[in-house]
Amino acid sequence: MEGRGLDEPLFSTSRGYEMRGNNFRKRIFQPALKRVHDADPLYPTVTPHDLRHTAASLAISTGANVKAIQRMLGHASAAMTLDVYADLFDDDLDHVAAKLNDAAANLGSIL
């Protein structure tokens, strides 16, 4: 992104226009994936959507705010983000229960 304006596309055609999804896959993504497979034939075949899911998973695992993840993914609402990635939040239930338990214990010591 260095040297590009905020409104400039990350991937552009030779004429500087925004590269569409199918052209990106054909010209950029698939050749890059082929190079990876040539170097390591056991590397799994991934799609751009797999990478998007990975980015969301990593953001969630760092404790990112759901609204921030929503904006990152371009979802219309946080509810949509939660509907799509709710399974990634399952581990958080134990964390929430522990925090609630701690809060209840602290309340007991105050009263």
Protein backbone atom coordinates (compact mmCIF):
# COMPACT_ATOMS: atom_id res chain seq x y z
CA MET A 1 0.00 0.00 0.00
CA GLU A 2 3.01 2.25 0.37
CA GLY A 3 2.88 5.06 -2.14
CA ARG A 4 -0.83 4.58 -2.90
CA GLY A 5 -3.62 6.95 -1.99
CA LEU A 6 -6.48 5.82 0.24
CA ASP A 7 -8.83 5.57 -2.74
CA GLU A 8 -6.40 3.82 -5.07
CA PRO A 9 -6.92 0.11 -5.70
CA LEU A 10 -4.34 -2.27 -4.26
CA PHE A 11 -4.40 -4.37 -7.43
CA SER A 12 -4.79 -2.53 -10.71
CA THR A 13 -4.62 -3.28 -14.40
CA SER A 14 -1.70 -2.14 -16.53
CA ARG A 15 -3.78 0.95 -17.33
CA GLY A 16 -4.30 1.76 -13.64
CA TYR A 17 -7.92 0.67 -13.37
CA GLU A 18 -9.26 -1.41 -10.50
CA MET A 19 -8.70 -5.11 -11.14
CA ARG A 20 -11.92 -7.11 -10.89
CA GLY A 21 -12.17 -10.30 -8.86
CA ASN A 22 -11.92 -12.80 -11.71
CA ASN A 23 -8.95 -11.00 -13.25
CA PHE A 24 -7.26 -10.82 -9.85
CA ARG A 25 -7.67 -14.57 -9.41
CA LYS A 26 -6.40 -15.34 -12.91
CA ARG A 27 -3.51 -12.84 -13.06
CA ILE A 28 -2.31 -12.59 -9.46
CA PHE A 29 -3.72 -15.20 -7.09
CA GLN A 30 -3.54 -18.42 -9.13
CA PRO A 31 0.05 -17.79 -10.34
CA ALA A 32 1.11 -17.07 -6.75
CA LEU A 33 -0.60 -20.24 -5.54
CA LYS A 34 1.11 -22.22 -8.31
CA ARG A 35 4.50 -20.93 -7.14
CA VAL A 36 3.67 -22.03 -3.61
CA HIS A 37 2.58 -25.48 -4.84
CA ASP A 38 5.72 -25.80 -6.95
CA ALA A 39 7.79 -25.13 -3.83
CA ASP A 40 5.61 -27.32 -1.58
CA PRO A 41 3.21 -29.73 -3.30
CA LEU A 42 1.58 -30.56 0.05
CA TYR A 43 0.49 -26.95 0.64
CA PRO A 44 -3.33 -26.88 0.60
CA THR A 45 -5.20 -25.21 -2.21
CA VAL A 46 -6.72 -22.02 -0.83
CA THR A 47 -9.04 -19.39 -2.20
CA PRO A 48 -9.18 -15.64 -1.61
CA HIS A 49 -12.24 -16.33 0.54
CA ASP A 50 -10.19 -18.75 2.67
CA LEU A 51 -7.72 -15.94 3.29
CA ARG A 52 -10.58 -13.59 4.20
CA HIS A 53 -11.86 -16.15 6.70
CA THR A 54 -8.35 -16.53 8.12
CA ALA A 55 -8.01 -12.75 8.51
CA ALA A 56 -11.33 -12.63 10.37
CA SER A 57 -10.30 -15.59 12.56
CA LEU A 58 -7.01 -13.96 13.47
CA ALA A 59 -8.74 -10.67 14.26
CA ILE A 60 -11.25 -12.46 16.47
CA SER A 61 -8.51 -14.42 18.25
CA THR A 62 -6.75 -11.16 19.15
CA GLY A 63 -9.94 -9.91 20.78
CA ALA A 64 -10.78 -7.36 18.10
CA ASN A 65 -14.08 -5.55 18.49
CA VAL A 66 -16.85 -7.07 16.36
CA LYS A 67 -17.61 -3.64 14.87
CA ALA A 68 -13.98 -3.35 13.75
CA ILE A 69 -14.14 -6.80 12.14
CA GLN A 70 -17.42 -5.80 10.49
CA ARG A 71 -15.75 -2.77 8.91
CA MET A 72 -12.68 -4.78 7.92
CA LEU A 73 -14.83 -7.32 6.07
CA GLY A 74 -17.24 -4.75 4.63
CA HIS A 75 -20.29 -6.36 6.21
CA ALA A 76 -23.44 -4.27 6.39
CA SER A 77 -23.92 -5.03 10.08
CA ALA A 78 -22.16 -6.56 13.06
CA ALA A 79 -25.03 -9.04 13.21
CA MET A 80 -24.01 -10.35 9.79
CA THR A 81 -20.41 -10.72 10.99
CA LEU A 82 -21.58 -12.61 14.06
CA ASP A 83 -23.86 -14.83 11.97
CA VAL A 84 -21.04 -15.76 9.58
CA TYR A 85 -18.24 -16.12 12.13
CA ALA A 86 -20.15 -17.08 15.30
CA ASP A 87 -18.39 -20.45 15.49
CA LEU A 88 -15.10 -18.62 15.96
CA PHE A 89 -16.38 -17.07 19.19
CA ASP A 90 -17.20 -20.39 20.92
CA ASP A 91 -13.93 -20.40 22.89
CA ASP A 92 -14.85 -16.99 24.26
CA LEU A 93 -17.69 -18.51 26.30
CA ASP A 94 -15.26 -19.96 28.85
CA HIS A 95 -13.48 -16.62 29.06
CA VAL A 96 -16.77 -14.78 29.61
CA ALA A 97 -17.84 -17.26 32.29
CA ALA A 98 -14.53 -16.83 34.11
CA LYS A 99 -14.80 -13.03 33.97
CA LEU A 100 -18.37 -13.13 35.28
CA ASN A 101 -17.28 -15.44 38.07
CA ASP A 102 -14.46 -13.04 38.99
CA ALA A 103 -16.85 -10.07 38.93
CA ALA A 104 -19.31 -11.91 41.18
CA ALA A 105 -16.52 -12.83 43.60
CA ASN A 106 -15.37 -9.19 43.71
CA LEU A 107 -18.92 -8.03 44.38
CA GLY A 108 -19.15 -10.46 47.27
CA SER A 109 -16.01 -9.04 48.86
CA ILE A 110 -17.33 -5.47 48.51
CA LEU A 111 -20.69 -6.26 50.11
